[in-house]
Amino acid sequence: MQLPQRRIGNSGMHSSALGLGCMGMSEFYGATDETQSLATLEAALAAGVTLFDTADAYGFGHNEQLLGRFLKHHRGQALVATKCGLAREAGSYARRVDNSPAYIRQACEASLARLGVESIDLFYLHRLNLDTPLEESMGALAQLRQEGKIRAVGLCEVSAATLRRAAAICPVAAVQSEYSLWTREPEQGVLAACRAVGASFFAYSPLGRGFLTGAITDLASLEAGDFRQFNPRFAPDNLARNQAIAGLVRQMARDRGCSPAQLALAWLLAQGEDIIPIPGTRRIAYLHDNLGALQVALDGAGLAAIDAAFPLGMAAGARYTEEGMKGVDA
């Protein structure tokens, strides 16, 4: 099946208009099931999804290995995006940000091996630590691209000013940051900077870590080990206040004859042809529900109503804990 395609910045590559985030197949959202995850990857490809997003930090390499098992049979049909620069110790959420050229090269080689590919289509710096001069880290990425180990360079969670500086050193094909109806900060300059430098924008957590679907009403509904139990927006007081957001999404979706997930994704898709949401799921039913967003048409009046209903800063609570905010908006 062929889904609508969107250009990946200045890379010469194109992706399906919706990609698939693979993080939850390895950790962060409770128990995982490799058989289920591999089946979802196969279903995504069969449905026309061509962009699969991972990182070396997801499951401490497990997520890349899992994706590598899938790519072994489908490399010519699938694009793989992965990330480096966020170093974690097994069993701990704590992280450090390392953008040194030596670390970038080491991480790239390790990702190539786990993924079982000769070249990574889109290679991001997961977070930035400006203790390392930007010229050095971007220079290392440019060298990897010249060697053919990566095809395009991406940055995650960067400020507009940093993106412009980075793109002057080495072409940046993509920026990946959180963007959704309850997280609209990219509209404060990053989206404009992406357009100025020719980078596409990949929106992660476009469903608010599942919250915008209306499925999460209290912490008891989350599995043991689910990191949302410690996320500020899901703390009891904030969660109670944020239920109004989920209620609005449900109401607007009902009025338009679609699911809440489809409304949230359709709104993002309508923000520009250079925006590619990457909702994550390990369940085939959720995958197909998400892809239904491509059939939802929102006219100007509908988009204006949604914009007014979900203003910037509406959500109660920070996006991450202090530890999770390391390197954000660098």
C-alpha atoms as a PDB file:
ATOM      1  CA  MET A   1       0.000   0.000   0.000  1.00  0.00           C
ATOM      2  CA  GLN A   2       1.219   3.506  -0.785  1.00  0.00           C
ATOM      3  CA  LEU A   3       0.648   6.207   1.827  1.00  0.00           C
ATOM      4  CA  PRO A   4       1.040   9.935   1.110  1.00  0.00           C
ATOM      5  CA  GLN A   5       4.725  10.835   1.028  1.00  0.00           C
ATOM      6  CA  ARG A   6       6.587  13.761   2.553  1.00  0.00           C
ATOM      7  CA  ARG A   7      10.083  14.986   1.757  1.00  0.00           C
ATOM      8  CA  ILE A   8      12.761  14.599   4.429  1.00  0.00           C
ATOM      9  CA  GLY A   9      14.342  18.021   4.333  1.00  0.00           C
ATOM     10  CA  ASN A  10      17.318  18.412   2.021  1.00  0.00           C
ATOM     11  CA  SER A  11      18.231  14.698   2.088  1.00  0.00           C
ATOM     12  CA  GLY A  12      16.669  13.631  -1.199  1.00  0.00           C
ATOM     13  CA  MET A  13      14.683  10.981   0.711  1.00  0.00           C
ATOM     14  CA  HIS A  14      10.928  10.757   1.194  1.00  0.00           C
ATOM     15  CA  SER A  15       8.955   9.179   4.030  1.00  0.00           C
ATOM     16  CA  SER A  16       5.382   8.095   4.532  1.00  0.00           C
ATOM     17  CA  ALA A  17       3.445  11.021   6.005  1.00  0.00           C
ATOM     18  CA  LEU A  18       3.227   9.110   9.302  1.00  0.00           C
ATOM     19  CA  GLY A  19       6.216   7.216  10.647  1.00  0.00           C
ATOM     20  CA  LEU A  20       6.360   4.701  13.497  1.00  0.00           C
ATOM     21  CA  GLY A  21       8.074   5.358  16.818  1.00  0.00           C
ATOM     22  CA  CYS A  22       9.555   2.129  18.141  1.00  0.00           C
ATOM     23  CA  MET A  23      10.719   3.155  21.643  1.00  0.00           C
ATOM     24  CA  GLY A  24       7.844   1.519  23.540  1.00  0.00           C
ATOM     25  CA  MET A  25       8.712  -1.842  22.033  1.00  0.00           C
ATOM     26  CA  SER A  26      11.702  -2.025  24.371  1.00  0.00           C
ATOM     27  CA  GLU A  27      10.960  -0.029  27.535  1.00  0.00           C
ATOM     28  CA  PHE A  28       9.267   2.923  29.234  1.00  0.00           C
ATOM     29  CA  TYR A  29       5.639   1.796  28.826  1.00  0.00           C
ATOM     30  CA  GLY A  30       5.489  -1.384  30.885  1.00  0.00           C
ATOM     31  CA  ALA A  31       5.904  -4.990  29.799  1.00  0.00           C
ATOM     32  CA  THR A  32       7.112  -5.633  26.256  1.00  0.00           C
ATOM     33  CA  ASP A  33       6.479  -8.501  23.850  1.00  0.00           C
ATOM     34  CA  GLU A  34       8.914  -9.045  20.977  1.00  0.00           C
ATOM     35  CA  THR A  35       6.529 -11.231  18.992  1.00  0.00           C
ATOM     36  CA  GLN A  36       3.823  -8.589  19.227  1.00  0.00           C
ATOM     37  CA  SER A  37       6.266  -5.818  18.335  1.00  0.00           C
ATOM     38  CA  LEU A  38       7.666  -7.618  15.289  1.00  0.00           C
ATOM     39  CA  ALA A  39       4.118  -8.274  14.084  1.00  0.00           C
ATOM     40  CA  THR A  40       3.341  -4.565  14.436  1.00  0.00           C
ATOM     41  CA  LEU A  41       6.447  -3.628  12.462  1.00  0.00           C
ATOM     42  CA  GLU A  42       5.365  -5.999   9.677  1.00  0.00           C
ATOM     43  CA  ALA A  43       1.822  -4.601   9.741  1.00  0.00           C
ATOM     44  CA  ALA A  44       3.142  -1.044   9.555  1.00  0.00           C
ATOM     45  CA  LEU A  45       5.229  -1.784   6.483  1.00  0.00           C
ATOM     46  CA  ALA A  46       2.334  -3.618   4.838  1.00  0.00           C
ATOM     47  CA  ALA A  47       0.130  -0.575   5.474  1.00  0.00           C
ATOM     48  CA  GLY A  48       2.635   1.731   3.771  1.00  0.00           C
ATOM     49  CA  VAL A  49       4.694   3.099   6.682  1.00  0.00           C
ATOM     50  CA  THR A  50       8.288   3.546   5.534  1.00  0.00           C
ATOM     51  CA  LEU A  51       9.991   5.448   8.388  1.00  0.00           C
ATOM     52  CA  PHE A  52      10.904   3.589  11.593  1.00  0.00           C
ATOM     53  CA  ASP A  53      12.337   5.634  14.463  1.00  0.00           C
ATOM     54  CA  THR A  54      14.599   4.260  17.195  1.00  0.00           C
ATOM     55  CA  ALA A  55      17.643   5.246  19.299  1.00  0.00           C
ATOM     56  CA  ASP A  56      20.601   3.537  20.904  1.00  0.00           C
ATOM     57  CA  ALA A  57      19.268   4.606  24.317  1.00  0.00           C
ATOM     58  CA  TYR A  58      15.948   2.774  23.937  1.00  0.00           C
ATOM     59  CA  GLY A  59      16.292  -0.444  25.879  1.00  0.00           C
ATOM     60  CA  PHE A  60      20.076   0.066  26.006  1.00  0.00           C
ATOM     61  CA  GLY A  61      20.464  -1.149  22.420  1.00  0.00           C
ATOM     62  CA  HIS A  62      17.602  -3.659  22.468  1.00  0.00           C
ATOM     63  CA  ASN A  63      15.328  -1.470  20.327  1.00  0.00           C
ATOM     64  CA  GLU A  64      17.901  -1.221  17.551  1.00  0.00           C
ATOM     65  CA  GLN A  65      18.506  -4.968  17.708  1.00  0.00           C
ATOM     66  CA  LEU A  66      14.772  -5.636  17.461  1.00  0.00           C
ATOM     67  CA  LEU A  67      14.439  -3.293  14.507  1.00  0.00           C
ATOM     68  CA  GLY A  68      17.487  -4.950  12.955  1.00  0.00           C
ATOM     69  CA  ARG A  69      15.702  -8.306  12.963  1.00  0.00           C
ATOM     70  CA  PHE A  70      12.861  -6.686  11.046  1.00  0.00           C
ATOM     71  CA  LEU A  71      15.123  -4.766   8.658  1.00  0.00           C
ATOM     72  CA  LYS A  72      17.001  -7.944   7.749  1.00  0.00           C
ATOM     73  CA  HIS A  73      14.054  -8.865   5.527  1.00  0.00           C
ATOM     74  CA  HIS A  74      12.907  -5.390   4.478  1.00  0.00           C
ATOM     75  CA  ARG A  75      15.923  -3.084   4.174  1.00  0.00           C
ATOM     76  CA  GLY A  76      15.052  -1.929   0.676  1.00  0.00           C
ATOM     77  CA  GLN A  77      11.543  -0.915   1.712  1.00  0.00           C
ATOM     78  CA  ALA A  78      12.173   0.818   5.034  1.00  0.00           C
ATOM     79  CA  LEU A  79      14.010   3.919   6.196  1.00  0.00           C
ATOM     80  CA  VAL A  80      15.603   3.798   9.629  1.00  0.00           C
ATOM     81  CA  ALA A  81      16.208   6.782  11.890  1.00  0.00           C
ATOM     82  CA  THR A  82      18.269   6.405  15.043  1.00  0.00           C
ATOM     83  CA  LYS A  83      20.001   8.654  17.541  1.00  0.00           C
ATOM     84  CA  CYS A  84      23.111   8.993  19.657  1.00  0.00           C
ATOM     85  CA  GLY A  85      24.403  11.276  22.382  1.00  0.00           C
ATOM     86  CA  LEU A  86      22.156  10.277  25.290  1.00  0.00           C
ATOM     87  CA  ALA A  87      24.170   7.877  27.432  1.00  0.00           C
ATOM     88  CA  ARG A  88      22.388   5.787  30.067  1.00  0.00           C
ATOM     89  CA  GLU A  89      23.376   3.024  32.423  1.00  0.00           C
ATOM     90  CA  ALA A  90      21.324  -0.191  32.376  1.00  0.00           C
ATOM     91  CA  GLY A  91      18.516  -0.143  34.899  1.00  0.00           C
ATOM     92  CA  SER A  92      18.578   3.631  35.383  1.00  0.00           C
ATOM     93  CA  TYR A  93      16.659   6.565  33.943  1.00  0.00           C
ATOM     94  CA  ALA A  94      19.606   8.885  34.695  1.00  0.00           C
ATOM     95  CA  ARG A  95      21.449  10.102  31.639  1.00  0.00           C
ATOM     96  CA  ARG A  96      24.376  12.186  30.489  1.00  0.00           C
ATOM     97  CA  VAL A  97      24.652  14.012  27.203  1.00  0.00           C
ATOM     98  CA  ASP A  98      27.809  13.282  25.197  1.00  0.00           C
ATOM     99  CA  ASN A  99      28.349  15.004  21.854  1.00  0.00           C
ATOM    100  CA  SER A 100      32.093  14.448  21.578  1.00  0.00           C
ATOM    101  CA  PRO A 101      33.278  13.376  18.111  1.00  0.00           C
ATOM    102  CA  ALA A 102      34.775  10.167  19.513  1.00  0.00           C
ATOM    103  CA  TYR A 103      31.488   9.228  21.169  1.00  0.00           C
ATOM    104  CA  ILE A 104      29.440  10.062  18.057  1.00  0.00           C
ATOM    105  CA  ARG A 105      31.617   7.795  15.909  1.00  0.00           C
ATOM    106  CA  GLN A 106      31.617   4.999  18.473  1.00  0.00           C
ATOM    107  CA  ALA A 107      27.834   5.205  18.814  1.00  0.00           C
ATOM    108  CA  CYS A 108      27.326   5.216  15.050  1.00  0.00           C
ATOM    109  CA  GLU A 109      29.425   2.090  14.573  1.00  0.00           C
ATOM    110  CA  ALA A 110      27.546   0.333  17.383  1.00  0.00           C
ATOM    111  CA  SER A 111      24.162   1.308  15.907  1.00  0.00           C
ATOM    112  CA  LEU A 112      25.180   0.068  12.456  1.00  0.00           C
ATOM    113  CA  ALA A 113      26.082  -3.292  13.975  1.00  0.00           C
ATOM    114  CA  ARG A 114      22.876  -3.635  16.012  1.00  0.00           C
ATOM    115  CA  LEU A 115      20.676  -2.576  13.097  1.00  0.00           C
ATOM    116  CA  GLY A 116      22.572  -4.790  10.667  1.00  0.00           C
ATOM    117  CA  VAL A 117      22.764  -2.086   8.009  1.00  0.00           C
ATOM    118  CA  GLU A 118      25.596  -0.504   6.060  1.00  0.00           C
ATOM    119  CA  SER A 119      24.214   3.023   6.326  1.00  0.00           C
ATOM    120  CA  ILE A 120      21.765   4.779   8.655  1.00  0.00           C
ATOM    121  CA  ASP A 121      19.217   6.826   6.730  1.00  0.00           C
ATOM    122  CA  LEU A 122      18.736   9.534   9.356  1.00  0.00           C
ATOM    123  CA  PHE A 123      21.137   9.911  12.289  1.00  0.00           C
ATOM    124  CA  TYR A 124      20.217  12.347  15.050  1.00  0.00           C
ATOM    125  CA  LEU A 125      21.991  13.860  17.993  1.00  0.00           C
ATOM    126  CA  HIS A 126      19.484  12.815  20.656  1.00  0.00           C
ATOM    127  CA  ARG A 127      20.236  15.789  22.905  1.00  0.00           C
ATOM    128  CA  LEU A 128      22.815  18.556  22.781  1.00  0.00           C
ATOM    129  CA  ASN A 129      25.456  19.342  25.342  1.00  0.00           C
ATOM    130  CA  LEU A 130      27.051  22.584  24.282  1.00  0.00           C
ATOM    131  CA  ASP A 131      30.108  21.887  26.430  1.00  0.00           C
ATOM    132  CA  THR A 132      31.277  20.283  23.194  1.00  0.00           C
ATOM    133  CA  PRO A 133      31.626  23.006  20.549  1.00  0.00           C
ATOM    134  CA  LEU A 134      28.875  22.666  17.981  1.00  0.00           C
ATOM    135  CA  GLU A 135      31.482  22.830  15.240  1.00  0.00           C
ATOM    136  CA  GLU A 136      33.071  19.615  16.560  1.00  0.00           C
ATOM    137  CA  SER A 137      29.895  17.572  16.911  1.00  0.00           C
ATOM    138  CA  MET A 138      28.445  18.709  13.585  1.00  0.00           C
ATOM    139  CA  GLY A 139      31.830  18.134  11.970  1.00  0.00           C
ATOM    140  CA  ALA A 140      31.801  14.544  13.212  1.00  0.00           C
ATOM    141  CA  LEU A 141      28.331  14.002  11.725  1.00  0.00           C
ATOM    142  CA  ALA A 142      29.424  15.555   8.430  1.00  0.00           C
ATOM    143  CA  GLN A 143      32.387  13.171   8.316  1.00  0.00           C
ATOM    144  CA  LEU A 144      30.146  10.146   8.900  1.00  0.00           C
ATOM    145  CA  ARG A 145      27.913  11.307   6.071  1.00  0.00           C
ATOM    146  CA  GLN A 146      30.889  11.776   3.776  1.00  0.00           C
ATOM    147  CA  GLU A 147      31.998   8.217   4.570  1.00  0.00           C
ATOM    148  CA  GLY A 148      28.536   6.882   3.731  1.00  0.00           C
ATOM    149  CA  LYS A 149      27.842   5.582   7.226  1.00  0.00           C
ATOM    150  CA  ILE A 150      24.830   7.897   7.473  1.00  0.00           C
ATOM    151  CA  ARG A 151      22.715   9.463   4.730  1.00  0.00           C
ATOM    152  CA  ALA A 152      21.362  12.512   6.542  1.00  0.00           C
ATOM    153  CA  VAL A 153      21.863  14.446   9.777  1.00  0.00           C
ATOM    154  CA  GLY A 154      19.194  15.289  12.326  1.00  0.00           C
ATOM    155  CA  LEU A 155      18.975  17.117  15.643  1.00  0.00           C
ATOM    156  CA  CYS A 156      16.553  16.607  18.521  1.00  0.00           C
ATOM    157  CA  GLU A 157      15.005  19.146  20.885  1.00  0.00           C
ATOM    158  CA  VAL A 158      17.213  22.054  19.779  1.00  0.00           C
ATOM    159  CA  SER A 159      16.459  25.748  19.979  1.00  0.00           C
ATOM    160  CA  ALA A 160      15.887  27.777  16.831  1.00  0.00           C
ATOM    161  CA  ALA A 161      19.195  29.615  17.318  1.00  0.00           C
ATOM    162  CA  THR A 162      21.178  26.392  17.707  1.00  0.00           C
ATOM    163  CA  LEU A 163      19.538  24.883  14.632  1.00  0.00           C
ATOM    164  CA  ARG A 164      20.525  27.861  12.507  1.00  0.00           C
ATOM    165  CA  ARG A 165      24.117  27.669  13.784  1.00  0.00           C
ATOM    166  CA  ALA A 166      24.295  23.918  13.206  1.00  0.00           C
ATOM    167  CA  ALA A 167      22.892  24.110   9.689  1.00  0.00           C
ATOM    168  CA  ALA A 168      25.564  26.634   8.758  1.00  0.00           C
ATOM    169  CA  ILE A 169      28.179  23.986   9.606  1.00  0.00           C
ATOM    170  CA  CYS A 170      26.535  20.905   8.109  1.00  0.00           C
ATOM    171  CA  PRO A 171      23.169  20.474   6.342  1.00  0.00           C
ATOM    172  CA  VAL A 172      20.449  19.403   8.785  1.00  0.00           C
ATOM    173  CA  ALA A 173      17.720  17.332   7.155  1.00  0.00           C
ATOM    174  CA  ALA A 174      15.430  16.933  10.149  1.00  0.00           C
ATOM    175  CA  VAL A 175      14.606  18.132  13.626  1.00  0.00           C
ATOM    176  CA  GLN A 176      12.755  15.868  16.043  1.00  0.00           C
ATOM    177  CA  SER A 177      10.978  17.359  19.038  1.00  0.00           C
ATOM    178  CA  GLU A 178       7.824  16.789  21.022  1.00  0.00           C
ATOM    179  CA  TYR A 179       4.829  18.430  19.336  1.00  0.00           C
ATOM    180  CA  SER A 180       1.137  17.827  19.931  1.00  0.00           C
ATOM    181  CA  LEU A 181      -2.082  19.522  20.945  1.00  0.00           C
ATOM    182  CA  TRP A 182      -0.772  19.860  24.504  1.00  0.00           C
ATOM    183  CA  THR A 183       2.858  20.612  23.580  1.00  0.00           C
ATOM    184  CA  ARG A 184       2.979  23.456  21.068  1.00  0.00           C
ATOM    185  CA  GLU A 185       6.347  25.026  21.919  1.00  0.00           C
ATOM    186  CA  PRO A 186       7.866  24.286  18.471  1.00  0.00           C
ATOM    187  CA  GLU A 187       5.569  26.993  17.109  1.00  0.00           C
ATOM    188  CA  GLN A 188       7.599  29.576  19.044  1.00  0.00           C
ATOM    189  CA  GLY A 189      10.446  29.638  16.541  1.00  0.00           C
ATOM    190  CA  VAL A 190      11.733  26.128  15.877  1.00  0.00           C
ATOM    191  CA  LEU A 191       9.304  25.396  13.053  1.00  0.00           C
ATOM    192  CA  ALA A 192      10.216  28.662  11.368  1.00  0.00           C
ATOM    193  CA  ALA A 193      13.915  27.865  11.746  1.00  0.00           C
ATOM    194  CA  CYS A 194      13.367  24.415  10.212  1.00  0.00           C
ATOM    195  CA  ARG A 195      11.759  26.037   7.208  1.00  0.00           C
ATOM    196  CA  ALA A 196      14.562  28.562   6.935  1.00  0.00           C
ATOM    197  CA  VAL A 197      17.273  25.890   6.819  1.00  0.00           C
ATOM    198  CA  GLY A 198      15.295  23.328   4.802  1.00  0.00           C
ATOM    199  CA  ALA A 199      14.786  20.748   7.549  1.00  0.00           C
ATOM    200  CA  SER A 200      11.700  18.617   8.044  1.00  0.00           C
ATOM    201  CA  PHE A 201      10.130  18.383  11.483  1.00  0.00           C
ATOM    202  CA  PHE A 202       9.442  14.982  13.029  1.00  0.00           C
ATOM    203  CA  ALA A 203       6.879  15.241  15.825  1.00  0.00           C
ATOM    204  CA  TYR A 204       7.363  12.684  18.582  1.00  0.00           C
ATOM    205  CA  SER A 205       4.754  11.939  21.257  1.00  0.00           C
ATOM    206  CA  PRO A 206       2.089  13.421  18.943  1.00  0.00           C
ATOM    207  CA  LEU A 207      -0.592  11.766  21.097  1.00  0.00           C
ATOM    208  CA  GLY A 208       0.758  13.152  24.358  1.00  0.00           C
ATOM    209  CA  ARG A 209       2.192   9.774  25.415  1.00  0.00           C
ATOM    210  CA  GLY A 210      -1.251   8.294  24.922  1.00  0.00           C
ATOM    211  CA  PHE A 211      -3.032  10.879  27.035  1.00  0.00           C
ATOM    212  CA  LEU A 212      -4.776  12.640  24.149  1.00  0.00           C
ATOM    213  CA  THR A 213      -6.526   9.387  23.196  1.00  0.00           C
ATOM    214  CA  GLY A 214      -8.498   9.557  26.447  1.00  0.00           C
ATOM    215  CA  ALA A 215      -7.289   6.121  27.544  1.00  0.00           C
ATOM    216  CA  ILE A 216      -5.501   7.307  30.694  1.00  0.00           C
ATOM    217  CA  THR A 217      -7.752   8.460  33.496  1.00  0.00           C
ATOM    218  CA  ASP A 218      -5.597   7.673  36.525  1.00  0.00           C
ATOM    219  CA  LEU A 219      -2.205   6.228  37.410  1.00  0.00           C
ATOM    220  CA  ALA A 220      -3.795   2.890  38.295  1.00  0.00           C
ATOM    221  CA  SER A 221      -4.417   2.349  34.577  1.00  0.00           C
ATOM    222  CA  LEU A 222      -0.652   2.327  33.921  1.00  0.00           C
ATOM    223  CA  GLU A 223       1.441  -0.832  34.099  1.00  0.00           C
ATOM    224  CA  ALA A 224       4.261  -1.330  36.572  1.00  0.00           C
ATOM    225  CA  GLY A 225       7.452   0.192  35.169  1.00  0.00           C
ATOM    226  CA  ASP A 226       5.600   2.756  33.051  1.00  0.00           C
ATOM    227  CA  PHE A 227       7.649   5.958  33.195  1.00  0.00           C
ATOM    228  CA  ARG A 228       4.495   8.076  32.988  1.00  0.00           C
ATOM    229  CA  GLN A 229       3.969   7.249  36.669  1.00  0.00           C
ATOM    230  CA  PHE A 230       6.819   9.681  37.335  1.00  0.00           C
ATOM    231  CA  ASN A 231       6.114  12.195  34.587  1.00  0.00           C
ATOM    232  CA  PRO A 232       4.951  15.587  35.933  1.00  0.00           C
ATOM    233  CA  ARG A 233       1.965  15.829  33.586  1.00  0.00           C
ATOM    234  CA  PHE A 234       0.662  12.519  34.904  1.00  0.00           C
ATOM    235  CA  ALA A 235       1.077  13.393  38.597  1.00  0.00           C
ATOM    236  CA  PRO A 236      -2.347  13.128  40.278  1.00  0.00           C
ATOM    237  CA  ASP A 237      -3.106  16.850  40.586  1.00  0.00           C
ATOM    238  CA  ASN A 238      -1.881  17.646  37.073  1.00  0.00           C
ATOM    239  CA  LEU A 239      -3.578  14.594  35.595  1.00  0.00           C
ATOM    240  CA  ALA A 240      -6.902  15.690  37.051  1.00  0.00           C
ATOM    241  CA  ARG A 241      -6.507  19.175  35.570  1.00  0.00           C
ATOM    242  CA  ASN A 242      -5.403  17.798  32.206  1.00  0.00           C
ATOM    243  CA  GLN A 243      -8.511  15.637  31.847  1.00  0.00           C
ATOM    244  CA  ALA A 244     -10.218  18.718  30.417  1.00  0.00           C
ATOM    245  CA  ILE A 245      -7.775  18.533  27.485  1.00  0.00           C
ATOM    246  CA  ALA A 246      -8.560  14.878  26.811  1.00  0.00           C
ATOM    247  CA  GLY A 247     -12.267  15.664  27.083  1.00  0.00           C
ATOM    248  CA  LEU A 248     -12.003  18.387  24.450  1.00  0.00           C
ATOM    249  CA  VAL A 249     -10.154  16.064  22.090  1.00  0.00           C
ATOM    250  CA  ARG A 250     -12.854  13.406  22.518  1.00  0.00           C
ATOM    251  CA  GLN A 251     -15.620  15.929  21.904  1.00  0.00           C
ATOM    252  CA  MET A 252     -14.034  17.428  18.788  1.00  0.00           C
ATOM    253  CA  ALA A 253     -13.249  13.968  17.421  1.00  0.00           C
ATOM    254  CA  ARG A 254     -16.828  12.824  17.979  1.00  0.00           C
ATOM    255  CA  ASP A 255     -18.116  15.890  16.145  1.00  0.00           C
ATOM    256  CA  ARG A 256     -15.943  15.009  13.154  1.00  0.00           C
ATOM    257  CA  GLY A 257     -16.631  11.274  13.139  1.00  0.00           C
ATOM    258  CA  CYS A 258     -13.104  10.174  13.949  1.00  0.00           C
ATOM    259  CA  SER A 259     -11.158   8.836  16.923  1.00  0.00           C
ATOM    260  CA  PRO A 260      -9.305  11.167  19.330  1.00  0.00           C
ATOM    261  CA  ALA A 261      -5.968   9.866  18.031  1.00  0.00           C
ATOM    262  CA  GLN A 262      -6.995  10.586  14.468  1.00  0.00           C
ATOM    263  CA  LEU A 263      -8.032  14.136  15.321  1.00  0.00           C
ATOM    264  CA  ALA A 264      -4.739  14.879  17.094  1.00  0.00           C
ATOM    265  CA  LEU A 265      -2.672  13.452  14.233  1.00  0.00           C
ATOM    266  CA  ALA A 266      -4.765  15.073  11.494  1.00  0.00           C
ATOM    267  CA  TRP A 267      -4.242  18.451  13.170  1.00  0.00           C
ATOM    268  CA  LEU A 268      -0.477  17.909  13.166  1.00  0.00           C
ATOM    269  CA  LEU A 269      -0.437  16.764   9.544  1.00  0.00           C
ATOM    270  CA  ALA A 270      -2.293  19.939   8.600  1.00  0.00           C
ATOM    271  CA  GLN A 271       0.396  22.164  10.132  1.00  0.00           C
ATOM    272  CA  GLY A 272       2.595  21.759   7.067  1.00  0.00           C
ATOM    273  CA  GLU A 273       3.819  19.301   4.454  1.00  0.00           C
ATOM    274  CA  ASP A 274       7.211  19.395   6.172  1.00  0.00           C
ATOM    275  CA  ILE A 275       5.836  17.863   9.404  1.00  0.00           C
ATOM    276  CA  ILE A 276       5.932  14.081   9.877  1.00  0.00           C
ATOM    277  CA  PRO A 277       4.374  12.743  13.088  1.00  0.00           C
ATOM    278  CA  ILE A 278       5.872   9.523  14.474  1.00  0.00           C
ATOM    279  CA  PRO A 279       3.295   8.062  16.864  1.00  0.00           C
ATOM    280  CA  GLY A 280       4.647   5.095  18.747  1.00  0.00           C
ATOM    281  CA  THR A 281       2.774   1.871  19.398  1.00  0.00           C
ATOM    282  CA  ARG A 282       3.418  -1.841  19.719  1.00  0.00           C
ATOM    283  CA  ARG A 283      -0.190  -2.814  18.959  1.00  0.00           C
ATOM    284  CA  ILE A 284      -1.580  -3.377  15.459  1.00  0.00           C
ATOM    285  CA  ALA A 285      -5.038  -2.025  16.343  1.00  0.00           C
ATOM    286  CA  TYR A 286      -3.565   1.298  17.502  1.00  0.00           C
ATOM    287  CA  LEU A 287      -1.345   1.423  14.416  1.00  0.00           C
ATOM    288  CA  HIS A 288      -4.352   1.194  12.089  1.00  0.00           C
ATOM    289  CA  ASP A 289      -6.316   3.703  14.141  1.00  0.00           C
ATOM    290  CA  ASN A 290      -3.425   6.162  13.856  1.00  0.00           C
ATOM    291  CA  LEU A 291      -3.148   5.663  10.099  1.00  0.00           C
ATOM    292  CA  GLY A 292      -6.833   6.559   9.811  1.00  0.00           C
ATOM    293  CA  ALA A 293      -5.764  10.151  10.498  1.00  0.00           C
ATOM    294  CA  LEU A 294      -4.636  10.367   6.886  1.00  0.00           C
ATOM    295  CA  GLN A 295      -8.310  10.169   5.853  1.00  0.00           C
ATOM    296  CA  VAL A 296      -9.457  12.981   8.174  1.00  0.00           C
ATOM    297  CA  ALA A 297      -9.856  16.321   6.395  1.00  0.00           C
ATOM    298  CA  LEU A 298      -9.838  19.479   8.518  1.00  0.00           C
ATOM    299  CA  ASP A 299     -10.887  22.710   6.839  1.00  0.00           C
ATOM    300  CA  GLY A 300      -9.747  26.176   7.814  1.00  0.00           C
ATOM    301  CA  ALA A 301     -12.599  26.720  10.242  1.00  0.00           C
ATOM    302  CA  GLY A 302     -11.980  23.355  11.865  1.00  0.00           C
ATOM    303  CA  LEU A 303      -8.277  24.031  12.285  1.00  0.00           C
ATOM    304  CA  ALA A 304      -8.974  27.474  13.739  1.00  0.00           C
ATOM    305  CA  ALA A 305     -11.382  25.941  16.256  1.00  0.00           C
ATOM    306  CA  ILE A 306      -8.796  23.371  17.322  1.00  0.00           C
ATOM    307  CA  ASP A 307      -6.071  26.008  17.602  1.00  0.00           C
ATOM    308  CA  ALA A 308      -8.274  28.121  19.851  1.00  0.00           C
ATOM    309  CA  ALA A 309      -9.256  25.159  22.024  1.00  0.00           C
ATOM    310  CA  PHE A 310      -5.670  24.061  22.737  1.00  0.00           C
ATOM    311  CA  PRO A 311      -3.522  27.173  23.300  1.00  0.00           C
ATOM    312  CA  LEU A 312       0.165  27.027  24.112  1.00  0.00           C
ATOM    313  CA  GLY A 313       0.744  26.362  27.803  1.00  0.00           C
ATOM    314  CA  MET A 314      -2.639  24.730  28.387  1.00  0.00           C
ATOM    315  CA  ALA A 315      -1.188  21.536  29.903  1.00  0.00           C
ATOM    316  CA  ALA A 316      -0.502  21.322  33.633  1.00  0.00           C
ATOM    317  CA  GLY A 317       2.968  20.059  34.484  1.00  0.00           C
ATOM    318  CA  ALA A 318       6.375  19.965  32.813  1.00  0.00           C
ATOM    319  CA  ARG A 319       7.055  17.640  29.881  1.00  0.00           C
ATOM    320  CA  TYR A 320       9.718  15.709  31.790  1.00  0.00           C
ATOM    321  CA  THR A 321      11.322  15.508  35.191  1.00  0.00           C
ATOM    322  CA  GLU A 322      14.443  17.613  35.681  1.00  0.00           C
ATOM    323  CA  GLU A 323      16.595  14.626  34.666  1.00  0.00           C
ATOM    324  CA  GLY A 324      14.589  14.135  31.496  1.00  0.00           C
ATOM    325  CA  MET A 325      14.945  17.802  30.543  1.00  0.00           C
ATOM    326  CA  LYS A 326      18.723  17.529  30.157  1.00  0.00           C
ATOM    327  CA  GLY A 327      19.643  18.855  26.729  1.00  0.00           C
ATOM    328  CA  VAL A 328      16.111  20.025  25.872  1.00  0.00           C
ATOM    329  CA  ASP A 329      15.958  23.358  23.983  1.00  0.00           C
ATOM    330  CA  ALA A 330      19.748  23.479  23.887  1.00  0.00           C
END
